[in-house]
Amino acid sequence: MIVIGITGSIGMGKTTIAQMLKRFNIPIFDSDKEVKDILENNNLVKNQVCQLWPDVISTQVNEKNIDKKLLSIKIFTNRKNRKILENILHPLVQKRRDAFIKSKAKSFIIALDVPLLYETGTDKICDYIFLVYTSEKKQETRVLARPNMSLQKFNLIKKAQWNTQMKIERNPYLISTSYGKLTSFFIISIYLIIIIFKKKVLKL
């Protein structure tokens, strides 16, 4: 099995690239989706968050719900809070990721969509890394167009992630999303051909 890691800072286009890989019938593990599901449906996590930061919890019809907007402000403005939440969430996400990999054991290629791939050390279990990037101007335009996003929050999120240059120094496969989806799809196709060719050569 070949494991491809997809990463890049906020607003770079990771989701778009992951969707393109799905067109090649490559199973994708979406870390952001798993985090969202845990925060919305894991009662143990809800209770932990409630104890730590009761002001980010709303109660409706006797059901506790995490206000993710308030929680994001809480963790991105305080490094200690961010580490606490990461220590709660990352083991659960890792457990789901390991189960995903095990369930796809017969697949030729799988991909892990992980925004904090390098920061969490997940790159170590990947055979190849696709680093998605664009210009800072395009990144800012994309991110600020999102609901409930502000320039302050955007800058706080960026500070919590490695910058693009640090990631480039790890020699990943680079995918620019600055020139449209067709160009990105072409780049992905070339990379997949190279990866498959390398795999076949190693078998010889």
N, C-alpha and C. Protein backbone atom coordinates (compact mmCIF):
# COMPACT_ATOMS: atom_id res chain seq x y z
N MET A 1 0.84 -1.21 0.00
CA MET A 1 0.00 0.00 0.00
C MET A 1 0.87 1.25 0.00
N ILE A 2 0.48 2.23 -0.81
CA ILE A 2 1.16 3.53 -0.85
C ILE A 2 0.31 4.53 -0.07
N VAL A 3 0.94 5.23 0.86
CA VAL A 3 0.23 6.23 1.66
C VAL A 3 0.71 7.63 1.25
N ILE A 4 -0.24 8.43 0.77
CA ILE A 4 0.05 9.81 0.38
C ILE A 4 -0.52 10.75 1.43
N GLY A 5 0.30 11.66 1.93
CA GLY A 5 -0.18 12.68 2.85
C GLY A 5 -0.48 13.96 2.09
N ILE A 6 -1.63 14.55 2.36
CA ILE A 6 -2.00 15.83 1.74
C ILE A 6 -1.98 16.89 2.83
N THR A 7 -1.23 17.95 2.62
CA THR A 7 -1.17 18.99 3.63
C THR A 7 -0.96 20.36 3.01
N GLY A 8 -0.98 21.37 3.85
CA GLY A 8 -0.88 22.75 3.40
C GLY A 8 -1.58 23.64 4.42
N SER A 9 -1.20 24.87 4.47
CA SER A 9 -1.81 25.79 5.43
C SER A 9 -3.26 26.09 5.06
N ILE A 10 -3.95 26.77 5.96
CA ILE A 10 -5.36 27.10 5.74
C ILE A 10 -5.54 27.88 4.44
N GLY A 11 -6.56 27.52 3.67
CA GLY A 11 -6.90 28.24 2.45
C GLY A 11 -6.05 27.92 1.25
N MET A 12 -5.20 26.91 1.35
CA MET A 12 -4.31 26.58 0.23
C MET A 12 -4.98 25.71 -0.83
N GLY A 13 -6.04 24.97 -0.44
CA GLY A 13 -6.74 24.15 -1.42
C GLY A 13 -6.64 22.65 -1.20
N LYS A 14 -6.39 22.24 0.05
CA LYS A 14 -6.25 20.81 0.36
C LYS A 14 -7.51 20.03 0.01
N THR A 15 -8.66 20.58 0.36
CA THR A 15 -9.92 19.87 0.12
C THR A 15 -10.13 19.64 -1.37
N THR A 16 -9.81 20.64 -2.18
CA THR A 16 -9.95 20.51 -3.63
C THR A 16 -9.05 19.40 -4.16
N ILE A 17 -7.82 19.35 -3.69
CA ILE A 17 -6.88 18.31 -4.13
C ILE A 17 -7.35 16.93 -3.69
N ALA A 18 -7.86 16.84 -2.46
CA ALA A 18 -8.37 15.56 -1.96
C ALA A 18 -9.53 15.07 -2.82
N GLN A 19 -10.42 15.99 -3.21
CA GLN A 19 -11.55 15.62 -4.06
C GLN A 19 -11.07 15.13 -5.42
N MET A 20 -9.99 15.71 -5.93
CA MET A 20 -9.44 15.26 -7.21
C MET A 20 -8.89 13.85 -7.10
N LEU A 21 -8.22 13.56 -5.97
CA LEU A 21 -7.69 12.20 -5.79
C LEU A 21 -8.81 11.17 -5.70
N LYS A 22 -9.96 11.59 -5.19
CA LYS A 22 -11.10 10.68 -5.12
C LYS A 22 -11.55 10.25 -6.52
N ARG A 23 -11.33 11.11 -7.51
CA ARG A 23 -11.69 10.77 -8.90
C ARG A 23 -10.87 9.59 -9.41
N PHE A 24 -9.73 9.36 -8.79
CA PHE A 24 -8.91 8.20 -9.15
C PHE A 24 -9.24 7.00 -8.25
N ASN A 25 -10.37 7.09 -7.54
CA ASN A 25 -10.82 6.04 -6.62
C ASN A 25 -9.82 5.78 -5.49
N ILE A 26 -9.15 6.84 -5.08
CA ILE A 26 -8.22 6.74 -3.95
C ILE A 26 -8.97 7.09 -2.67
N PRO A 27 -9.05 6.17 -1.71
CA PRO A 27 -9.73 6.47 -0.44
C PRO A 27 -9.01 7.60 0.31
N ILE A 28 -9.80 8.50 0.89
CA ILE A 28 -9.25 9.66 1.58
C ILE A 28 -9.67 9.66 3.05
N PHE A 29 -8.72 9.86 3.93
CA PHE A 29 -9.03 10.08 5.35
C PHE A 29 -8.97 11.58 5.59
N ASP A 30 -10.09 12.17 5.98
CA ASP A 30 -10.21 13.62 6.16
C ASP A 30 -10.14 13.95 7.65
N SER A 31 -9.00 14.44 8.10
CA SER A 31 -8.81 14.73 9.52
C SER A 31 -9.76 15.80 10.04
N ASP A 32 -9.96 16.86 9.25
CA ASP A 32 -10.86 17.94 9.67
C ASP A 32 -12.28 17.42 9.87
N LYS A 33 -12.70 16.55 8.97
CA LYS A 33 -14.05 15.97 9.07
C LYS A 33 -14.18 15.13 10.34
N GLU A 34 -13.12 14.39 10.66
CA GLU A 34 -13.14 13.55 11.86
C GLU A 34 -13.18 14.40 13.13
N VAL A 35 -12.41 15.49 13.15
CA VAL A 35 -12.41 16.40 14.30
C VAL A 35 -13.80 16.98 14.50
N LYS A 36 -14.41 17.41 13.41
CA LYS A 36 -15.76 17.99 13.47
C LYS A 36 -16.75 16.97 14.04
N ASP A 37 -16.65 15.72 13.59
CA ASP A 37 -17.55 14.67 14.06
C ASP A 37 -17.34 14.40 15.55
N ILE A 38 -16.10 14.39 15.98
CA ILE A 38 -15.79 14.14 17.40
C ILE A 38 -16.38 15.26 18.27
N LEU A 39 -16.17 16.50 17.85
CA LEU A 39 -16.66 17.64 18.63
C LEU A 39 -18.18 17.68 18.69
N GLU A 40 -18.83 17.17 17.65
CA GLU A 40 -20.29 17.21 17.60
C GLU A 40 -20.96 15.99 18.24
N ASN A 41 -20.27 14.85 18.24
CA ASN A 41 -20.96 13.62 18.62
C ASN A 41 -20.33 12.81 19.75
N ASN A 42 -19.11 13.16 20.15
CA ASN A 42 -18.46 12.41 21.22
C ASN A 42 -18.79 13.06 22.56
N ASN A 43 -19.65 12.43 23.32
CA ASN A 43 -20.11 13.01 24.58
C ASN A 43 -18.99 13.16 25.61
N LEU A 44 -18.04 12.23 25.60
CA LEU A 44 -16.91 12.33 26.52
C LEU A 44 -16.11 13.60 26.25
N VAL A 45 -15.87 13.88 24.96
CA VAL A 45 -15.13 15.09 24.59
C VAL A 45 -15.94 16.33 24.94
N LYS A 46 -17.24 16.28 24.69
CA LYS A 46 -18.10 17.41 25.03
C LYS A 46 -18.01 17.73 26.53
N ASN A 47 -18.02 16.68 27.34
CA ASN A 47 -17.96 16.88 28.79
C ASN A 47 -16.60 17.46 29.20
N GLN A 48 -15.54 16.99 28.56
CA GLN A 48 -14.20 17.52 28.87
C GLN A 48 -14.10 19.00 28.50
N VAL A 49 -14.63 19.34 27.33
CA VAL A 49 -14.60 20.73 26.88
C VAL A 49 -15.45 21.60 27.80
N CYS A 50 -16.58 21.05 28.22
CA CYS A 50 -17.48 21.78 29.12
C CYS A 50 -16.78 22.10 30.44
N GLN A 51 -16.02 21.14 30.96
CA GLN A 51 -15.31 21.36 32.22
C GLN A 51 -14.18 22.38 32.06
N LEU A 52 -13.51 22.33 30.91
CA LEU A 52 -12.38 23.22 30.69
C LEU A 52 -12.81 24.64 30.32
N TRP A 53 -13.79 24.72 29.40
CA TRP A 53 -14.22 26.02 28.89
C TRP A 53 -15.75 26.07 28.81
N PRO A 54 -16.42 26.19 29.94
CA PRO A 54 -17.89 26.15 29.96
C PRO A 54 -18.54 27.24 29.11
N ASP A 55 -17.83 28.32 28.85
CA ASP A 55 -18.43 29.42 28.08
C ASP A 55 -18.54 29.11 26.59
N VAL A 56 -17.96 27.99 26.12
CA VAL A 56 -18.10 27.64 24.70
C VAL A 56 -19.19 26.59 24.49
N ILE A 57 -19.90 26.27 25.56
CA ILE A 57 -20.96 25.25 25.49
C ILE A 57 -22.33 25.91 25.52
N SER A 58 -23.18 25.48 24.61
CA SER A 58 -24.58 25.91 24.64
C SER A 58 -25.45 24.68 24.88
N THR A 59 -26.51 24.86 25.62
CA THR A 59 -27.39 23.74 25.93
C THR A 59 -28.76 23.98 25.32
N GLN A 60 -29.18 23.02 24.49
CA GLN A 60 -30.48 23.09 23.84
C GLN A 60 -31.20 21.77 24.02
N VAL A 61 -32.40 21.83 24.59
CA VAL A 61 -33.21 20.63 24.86
C VAL A 61 -32.36 19.58 25.59
N ASN A 62 -31.71 20.03 26.66
CA ASN A 62 -30.90 19.16 27.51
C ASN A 62 -29.71 18.51 26.79
N GLU A 63 -29.35 19.06 25.66
CA GLU A 63 -28.20 18.53 24.91
C GLU A 63 -27.10 19.58 24.84
N LYS A 64 -25.90 19.18 25.19
CA LYS A 64 -24.75 20.10 25.15
C LYS A 64 -24.18 20.15 23.74
N ASN A 65 -23.92 21.36 23.26
CA ASN A 65 -23.31 21.54 21.95
C ASN A 65 -22.14 22.51 22.08
N ILE A 66 -21.06 22.20 21.38
CA ILE A 66 -19.88 23.05 21.40
C ILE A 66 -20.01 24.11 20.32
N ASP A 67 -19.88 25.36 20.71
CA ASP A 67 -19.85 26.45 19.75
C ASP A 67 -18.43 26.50 19.19
N LYS A 68 -18.25 25.97 17.97
CA LYS A 68 -16.90 25.83 17.42
C LYS A 68 -16.25 27.17 17.11
N LYS A 69 -17.05 28.18 16.86
CA LYS A 69 -16.51 29.52 16.63
C LYS A 69 -15.86 30.05 17.92
N LEU A 70 -16.58 29.93 19.04
CA LEU A 70 -16.03 30.37 20.33
C LEU A 70 -14.84 29.52 20.75
N LEU A 71 -14.92 28.22 20.47
CA LEU A 71 -13.82 27.33 20.82
C LEU A 71 -12.56 27.67 20.03
N SER A 72 -12.72 27.98 18.76
CA SER A 72 -11.55 28.31 17.94
C SER A 72 -10.86 29.57 18.44
N ILE A 73 -11.66 30.55 18.87
CA ILE A 73 -11.08 31.78 19.43
C ILE A 73 -10.32 31.44 20.71
N LYS A 74 -10.92 30.57 21.52
CA LYS A 74 -10.31 30.18 22.79
C LYS A 74 -8.95 29.51 22.58
N ILE A 75 -8.85 28.65 21.59
CA ILE A 75 -7.61 27.88 21.43
C ILE A 75 -6.56 28.62 20.59
N PHE A 76 -6.99 29.45 19.65
CA PHE A 76 -6.00 30.13 18.82
C PHE A 76 -5.44 31.40 19.45
N THR A 77 -6.08 31.85 20.52
CA THR A 77 -5.54 33.01 21.24
C THR A 77 -4.73 32.60 22.47
N ASN A 78 -4.65 31.29 22.70
CA ASN A 78 -3.94 30.81 23.88
C ASN A 78 -3.27 29.47 23.55
N ARG A 79 -1.95 29.49 23.45
CA ARG A 79 -1.20 28.29 23.06
C ARG A 79 -1.45 27.12 24.03
N LYS A 80 -1.56 27.43 25.32
CA LYS A 80 -1.79 26.39 26.31
C LYS A 80 -3.13 25.70 26.07
N ASN A 81 -4.17 26.51 25.79
CA ASN A 81 -5.49 25.94 25.49
C ASN A 81 -5.43 25.05 24.25
N ARG A 82 -4.68 25.50 23.25
CA ARG A 82 -4.58 24.73 22.01
C ARG A 82 -3.94 23.37 22.27
N LYS A 83 -2.89 23.36 23.09
CA LYS A 83 -2.22 22.11 23.39
C LYS A 83 -3.13 21.16 24.17
N ILE A 84 -3.91 21.72 25.08
CA ILE A 84 -4.84 20.90 25.87
C ILE A 84 -5.85 20.23 24.95
N LEU A 85 -6.43 21.01 24.04
CA LEU A 85 -7.43 20.45 23.12
C LEU A 85 -6.79 19.44 22.18
N GLU A 86 -5.58 19.73 21.70
CA GLU A 86 -4.88 18.78 20.83
C GLU A 86 -4.65 17.46 21.54
N ASN A 87 -4.31 17.52 22.82
CA ASN A 87 -4.08 16.29 23.58
C ASN A 87 -5.36 15.48 23.76
N ILE A 88 -6.50 16.15 23.70
CA ILE A 88 -7.79 15.46 23.78
C ILE A 88 -8.15 14.85 22.43
N LEU A 89 -7.99 15.64 21.37
CA LEU A 89 -8.48 15.24 20.05
C LEU A 89 -7.53 14.33 19.27
N HIS A 90 -6.24 14.64 19.31
CA HIS A 90 -5.30 13.91 18.45
C HIS A 90 -5.28 12.40 18.66
N PRO A 91 -5.32 11.90 19.91
CA PRO A 91 -5.35 10.44 20.08
C PRO A 91 -6.60 9.81 19.46
N LEU A 92 -7.72 10.50 19.54
CA LEU A 92 -8.97 9.98 18.97
C LEU A 92 -8.91 9.98 17.44
N VAL A 93 -8.37 11.06 16.88
CA VAL A 93 -8.23 11.13 15.42
C VAL A 93 -7.24 10.08 14.94
N GLN A 94 -6.15 9.91 15.68
CA GLN A 94 -5.15 8.90 15.31
C GLN A 94 -5.75 7.49 15.33
N LYS A 95 -6.58 7.22 16.32
CA LYS A 95 -7.23 5.91 16.41
C LYS A 95 -8.13 5.67 15.20
N ARG A 96 -8.87 6.71 14.80
CA ARG A 96 -9.74 6.59 13.63
C ARG A 96 -8.90 6.43 12.35
N ARG A 97 -7.78 7.17 12.31
CA ARG A 97 -6.91 7.09 11.13
C ARG A 97 -6.31 5.69 10.99
N ASP A 98 -5.86 5.13 12.11
CA ASP A 98 -5.28 3.79 12.08
C ASP A 98 -6.32 2.75 11.64
N ALA A 99 -7.56 2.94 12.11
CA ALA A 99 -8.64 2.02 11.72
C ALA A 99 -8.94 2.17 10.23
N PHE A 100 -8.88 3.40 9.72
CA PHE A 100 -9.09 3.65 8.29
C PHE A 100 -8.01 2.94 7.47
N ILE A 101 -6.76 3.10 7.87
CA ILE A 101 -5.65 2.48 7.13
C ILE A 101 -5.80 0.96 7.12
N LYS A 102 -6.17 0.42 8.28
CA LYS A 102 -6.35 -1.03 8.38
C LYS A 102 -7.49 -1.50 7.48
N SER A 103 -8.57 -0.73 7.43
CA SER A 103 -9.74 -1.11 6.63
C SER A 103 -9.46 -1.04 5.13
N LYS A 104 -8.43 -0.26 4.75
CA LYS A 104 -8.10 -0.10 3.33
C LYS A 104 -6.82 -0.85 2.96
N ALA A 105 -6.51 -1.89 3.73
CA ALA A 105 -5.26 -2.62 3.56
C ALA A 105 -5.08 -3.18 2.15
N LYS A 106 -6.18 -3.45 1.46
CA LYS A 106 -6.08 -4.03 0.11
C LYS A 106 -6.01 -2.97 -0.99
N SER A 107 -6.08 -1.69 -0.59
CA SER A 107 -6.02 -0.61 -1.58
C SER A 107 -4.57 -0.40 -2.03
N PHE A 108 -4.41 -0.04 -3.30
CA PHE A 108 -3.07 0.20 -3.83
C PHE A 108 -2.52 1.53 -3.32
N ILE A 109 -3.40 2.56 -3.29
CA ILE A 109 -3.02 3.89 -2.80
C ILE A 109 -4.13 4.41 -1.89
N ILE A 110 -3.76 5.02 -0.76
CA ILE A 110 -4.71 5.75 0.06
C ILE A 110 -4.10 7.13 0.34
N ALA A 111 -4.91 8.07 0.79
CA ALA A 111 -4.41 9.41 1.09
C ALA A 111 -4.95 9.89 2.43
N LEU A 112 -4.11 10.62 3.14
CA LEU A 112 -4.47 11.19 4.44
C LEU A 112 -4.46 12.71 4.31
N ASP A 113 -5.63 13.33 4.43
CA ASP A 113 -5.76 14.79 4.37
C ASP A 113 -5.58 15.32 5.78
N VAL A 114 -4.38 15.86 6.06
CA VAL A 114 -4.04 16.27 7.42
C VAL A 114 -3.42 17.67 7.40
N PRO A 115 -4.16 18.70 7.81
CA PRO A 115 -3.61 20.06 7.81
C PRO A 115 -2.31 20.19 8.61
N LEU A 116 -2.25 19.53 9.77
CA LEU A 116 -1.06 19.60 10.63
C LEU A 116 -0.21 18.34 10.47
N LEU A 117 0.00 17.93 9.25
CA LEU A 117 0.71 16.68 8.96
C LEU A 117 2.12 16.68 9.54
N TYR A 118 2.89 17.72 9.24
CA TYR A 118 4.26 17.80 9.75
C TYR A 118 4.27 18.11 11.25
N GLU A 119 3.38 19.00 11.65
CA GLU A 119 3.35 19.42 13.05
C GLU A 119 3.05 18.27 14.00
N THR A 120 2.27 17.30 13.54
CA THR A 120 1.89 16.17 14.39
C THR A 120 2.75 14.92 14.15
N GLY A 121 3.69 15.01 13.20
CA GLY A 121 4.55 13.88 12.90
C GLY A 121 3.90 12.81 12.03
N THR A 122 2.73 13.11 11.47
CA THR A 122 2.02 12.13 10.64
C THR A 122 2.77 11.88 9.33
N ASP A 123 3.65 12.79 8.94
CA ASP A 123 4.44 12.60 7.72
C ASP A 123 5.29 11.33 7.79
N LYS A 124 5.59 10.88 8.99
CA LYS A 124 6.46 9.72 9.17
C LYS A 124 5.81 8.42 8.70
N ILE A 125 4.47 8.40 8.61
CA ILE A 125 3.81 7.17 8.15
C ILE A 125 3.40 7.28 6.68
N CYS A 126 3.82 8.36 6.02
CA CYS A 126 3.47 8.57 4.62
C CYS A 126 4.65 8.23 3.70
N ASP A 127 4.34 7.66 2.57
CA ASP A 127 5.38 7.37 1.57
C ASP A 127 5.68 8.60 0.73
N TYR A 128 4.64 9.40 0.48
CA TYR A 128 4.79 10.63 -0.30
C TYR A 128 3.93 11.72 0.33
N ILE A 129 4.38 12.97 0.18
CA ILE A 129 3.62 14.11 0.69
C ILE A 129 3.27 15.03 -0.47
N PHE A 130 2.01 15.39 -0.58
CA PHE A 130 1.55 16.41 -1.52
C PHE A 130 1.36 17.70 -0.72
N LEU A 131 2.21 18.68 -0.96
CA LEU A 131 2.08 19.97 -0.28
C LEU A 131 1.33 20.94 -1.18
N VAL A 132 0.17 21.34 -0.73
CA VAL A 132 -0.70 22.24 -1.50
C VAL A 132 -0.41 23.68 -1.09
N TYR A 133 -0.23 24.56 -2.07
CA TYR A 133 0.11 25.94 -1.72
C TYR A 133 -0.44 26.91 -2.77
N THR A 134 -0.46 28.18 -2.41
CA THR A 134 -0.83 29.25 -3.33
C THR A 134 -0.17 30.52 -2.82
N SER A 135 -0.41 31.64 -3.48
CA SER A 135 0.19 32.90 -3.04
C SER A 135 -0.48 33.36 -1.75
N GLU A 136 0.22 34.18 -0.97
CA GLU A 136 -0.35 34.69 0.27
C GLU A 136 -1.59 35.53 0.01
N LYS A 137 -1.60 36.24 -1.11
CA LYS A 137 -2.76 37.07 -1.45
C LYS A 137 -3.99 36.22 -1.72
N LYS A 138 -3.80 35.14 -2.53
CA LYS A 138 -4.92 34.25 -2.82
C LYS A 138 -5.38 33.53 -1.56
N GLN A 139 -4.42 33.13 -0.73
CA GLN A 139 -4.76 32.45 0.51
C GLN A 139 -5.64 33.34 1.39
N GLU A 140 -5.23 34.59 1.55
CA GLU A 140 -5.99 35.51 2.40
C GLU A 140 -7.38 35.76 1.83
N THR A 141 -7.48 35.93 0.52
CA THR A 141 -8.77 36.17 -0.12
C THR A 141 -9.72 35.00 0.10
N ARG A 142 -9.21 33.79 -0.08
CA ARG A 142 -10.03 32.58 0.10
C ARG A 142 -10.51 32.45 1.54
N VAL A 143 -9.58 32.62 2.48
CA VAL A 143 -9.92 32.40 3.88
C VAL A 143 -10.89 33.44 4.40
N LEU A 144 -10.68 34.70 4.04
CA LEU A 144 -11.55 35.77 4.56
C LEU A 144 -12.95 35.71 3.95
N ALA A 145 -13.11 34.94 2.88
CA ALA A 145 -14.44 34.76 2.28
C ALA A 145 -15.27 33.72 3.03
N ARG A 146 -14.64 33.02 3.97
CA ARG A 146 -15.35 32.00 4.73
C ARG A 146 -16.25 32.63 5.79
N PRO A 147 -17.34 31.96 6.13
CA PRO A 147 -18.22 32.47 7.20
C PRO A 147 -17.48 32.50 8.54
N ASN A 148 -17.80 33.49 9.35
CA ASN A 148 -17.25 33.62 10.71
C ASN A 148 -15.72 33.72 10.74
N MET A 149 -15.15 34.25 9.68
CA MET A 149 -13.70 34.41 9.63
C MET A 149 -13.33 35.89 9.67
N SER A 150 -12.28 36.21 10.40
CA SER A 150 -11.78 37.57 10.47
C SER A 150 -10.28 37.54 10.20
N LEU A 151 -9.72 38.69 9.91
CA LEU A 151 -8.28 38.77 9.66
C LEU A 151 -7.50 38.36 10.91
N GLN A 152 -8.00 38.76 12.09
CA GLN A 152 -7.33 38.39 13.32
C GLN A 152 -7.30 36.88 13.52
N LYS A 153 -8.43 36.24 13.31
CA LYS A 153 -8.50 34.79 13.47
C LYS A 153 -7.62 34.09 12.44
N PHE A 154 -7.63 34.59 11.21
CA PHE A 154 -6.81 34.03 10.15
C PHE A 154 -5.33 34.06 10.54
N ASN A 155 -4.88 35.19 11.03
CA ASN A 155 -3.48 35.33 11.42
C ASN A 155 -3.12 34.42 12.61
N LEU A 156 -4.07 34.24 13.53
CA LEU A 156 -3.84 33.36 14.67
C LEU A 156 -3.70 31.91 14.22
N ILE A 157 -4.53 31.51 13.26
CA ILE A 157 -4.47 30.14 12.74
C ILE A 157 -3.15 29.92 12.01
N LYS A 158 -2.72 30.90 11.23
CA LYS A 158 -1.45 30.79 10.50
C LYS A 158 -0.28 30.60 11.47
N LYS A 159 -0.32 31.31 12.59
CA LYS A 159 0.76 31.22 13.56
C LYS A 159 0.84 29.83 14.20
N ALA A 160 -0.29 29.13 14.20
CA ALA A 160 -0.33 27.79 14.81
C ALA A 160 0.17 26.72 13.84
N GLN A 161 0.42 27.09 12.60
CA GLN A 161 0.86 26.13 11.58
C GLN A 161 2.27 26.46 11.12
N TRP A 162 2.99 25.45 10.64
CA TRP A 162 4.27 25.71 10.01
C TRP A 162 4.03 26.57 8.78
N ASN A 163 4.97 27.47 8.47
CA ASN A 163 4.80 28.23 7.23
C ASN A 163 5.19 27.36 6.04
N THR A 164 4.80 27.79 4.86
CA THR A 164 4.98 26.97 3.66
C THR A 164 6.45 26.67 3.39
N GLN A 165 7.33 27.63 3.62
CA GLN A 165 8.74 27.42 3.36
C GLN A 165 9.31 26.30 4.21
N MET A 166 8.90 26.23 5.47
CA MET A 166 9.35 25.16 6.36
C MET A 166 8.94 23.80 5.81
N LYS A 167 7.74 23.73 5.24
CA LYS A 167 7.25 22.47 4.69
C LYS A 167 7.96 22.12 3.39
N ILE A 168 8.25 23.13 2.57
CA ILE A 168 8.95 22.90 1.31
C ILE A 168 10.33 22.30 1.56
N GLU A 169 10.96 22.71 2.66
CA GLU A 169 12.29 22.21 3.00
C GLU A 169 12.30 20.72 3.29
N ARG A 170 11.10 20.12 3.50
CA ARG A 170 11.00 18.67 3.71
C ARG A 170 10.91 17.90 2.38
N ASN A 171 11.01 18.63 1.27
CA ASN A 171 11.01 18.04 -0.08
C ASN A 171 9.74 17.25 -0.44
N PRO A 172 8.57 17.82 -0.22
CA PRO A 172 7.34 17.15 -0.65
C PRO A 172 7.11 17.37 -2.15
N TYR A 173 6.08 16.73 -2.69
CA TYR A 173 5.65 17.03 -4.05
C TYR A 173 4.78 18.29 -3.96
N LEU A 174 5.12 19.29 -4.74
CA LEU A 174 4.43 20.58 -4.65
C LEU A 174 3.27 20.67 -5.63
N ILE A 175 2.12 21.16 -5.14
CA ILE A 175 0.94 21.36 -5.99
C ILE A 175 0.43 22.77 -5.78
N SER A 176 0.60 23.61 -6.80
CA SER A 176 0.08 24.97 -6.72
C SER A 176 -1.39 24.98 -7.14
N THR A 177 -2.20 25.70 -6.38
CA THR A 177 -3.62 25.86 -6.74
C THR A 177 -3.90 27.28 -7.23
N SER A 178 -2.84 27.95 -7.68
CA SER A 178 -2.98 29.35 -8.11
C SER A 178 -3.46 29.49 -9.55
N TYR A 179 -3.41 28.38 -10.32
CA TYR A 179 -3.65 28.50 -11.76
C TYR A 179 -4.87 27.73 -12.24
N GLY A 180 -5.77 27.42 -11.32
CA GLY A 180 -7.01 26.77 -11.71
C GLY A 180 -6.99 25.26 -11.47
N LYS A 181 -8.18 24.69 -11.42
CA LYS A 181 -8.34 23.28 -11.10
C LYS A 181 -7.74 22.36 -12.16
N LEU A 182 -7.85 22.76 -13.43
CA LEU A 182 -7.34 21.91 -14.51
C LEU A 182 -5.83 21.71 -14.38
N THR A 183 -5.12 22.80 -14.08
CA THR A 183 -3.67 22.71 -13.90
C THR A 183 -3.32 21.84 -12.70
N SER A 184 -4.03 22.02 -11.60
CA SER A 184 -3.79 21.21 -10.40
C SER A 184 -4.04 19.73 -10.68
N PHE A 185 -5.11 19.45 -11.42
CA PHE A 185 -5.44 18.06 -11.76
C PHE A 185 -4.35 17.44 -12.63
N PHE A 186 -3.82 18.22 -13.56
CA PHE A 186 -2.73 17.74 -14.42
C PHE A 186 -1.50 17.41 -13.59
N ILE A 187 -1.15 18.29 -12.65
CA ILE A 187 0.01 18.06 -11.79
C ILE A 187 -0.16 16.78 -10.97
N ILE A 188 -1.36 16.62 -10.40
CA ILE A 188 -1.65 15.41 -9.62
C ILE A 188 -1.49 14.15 -10.47
N SER A 189 -2.02 14.20 -11.68
CA SER A 189 -1.95 13.05 -12.58
C SER A 189 -0.50 12.66 -12.86
N ILE A 190 0.35 13.66 -13.09
CA ILE A 190 1.77 13.39 -13.34
C ILE A 190 2.42 12.76 -12.12
N TYR A 191 2.13 13.30 -10.95
CA TYR A 191 2.71 12.75 -9.72
C TYR A 191 2.28 11.30 -9.50
N LEU A 192 1.02 11.01 -9.75
CA LEU A 192 0.53 9.64 -9.57
C LEU A 192 1.22 8.67 -10.53
N ILE A 193 1.45 9.12 -11.75
CA ILE A 193 2.16 8.29 -12.73
C ILE A 193 3.57 8.00 -12.23
N ILE A 194 4.24 9.03 -11.71
CA ILE A 194 5.60 8.86 -11.18
C ILE A 194 5.62 7.89 -10.01
N ILE A 195 4.65 8.05 -9.10
CA ILE A 195 4.58 7.20 -7.91
C ILE A 195 4.34 5.75 -8.29
N ILE A 196 3.40 5.53 -9.21
CA ILE A 196 3.10 4.16 -9.65
C ILE A 196 4.29 3.54 -10.37
N PHE A 197 4.98 4.35 -11.20
CA PHE A 197 6.16 3.86 -11.92
C PHE A 197 7.25 3.44 -10.93
N LYS A 198 7.48 4.27 -9.91
CA LYS A 198 8.49 3.94 -8.89
C LYS A 198 8.13 2.64 -8.18
N LYS A 199 6.87 2.45 -7.90
CA LYS A 199 6.42 1.25 -7.20
C LYS A 199 6.69 0.01 -8.05
N LYS A 200 6.42 0.12 -9.35
CA LYS A 200 6.63 -1.02 -10.24
C LYS A 200 8.11 -1.32 -10.43
N VAL A 201 8.93 -0.26 -10.49
CA VAL A 201 10.38 -0.45 -10.63
C VAL A 201 10.95 -1.17 -9.42
N LEU A 202 10.46 -0.78 -8.22
CA LEU A 202 10.95 -1.40 -6.99
C LEU A 202 10.62 -2.89 -6.93
N LYS A 203 9.53 -3.27 -7.62
CA LYS A 203 9.12 -4.68 -7.61
C LYS A 203 9.97 -5.55 -8.53
N LEU A 204 10.64 -4.89 -9.49
CA LEU A 204 11.46 -5.64 -10.45
C LEU A 204 12.71 -6.25 -9.80
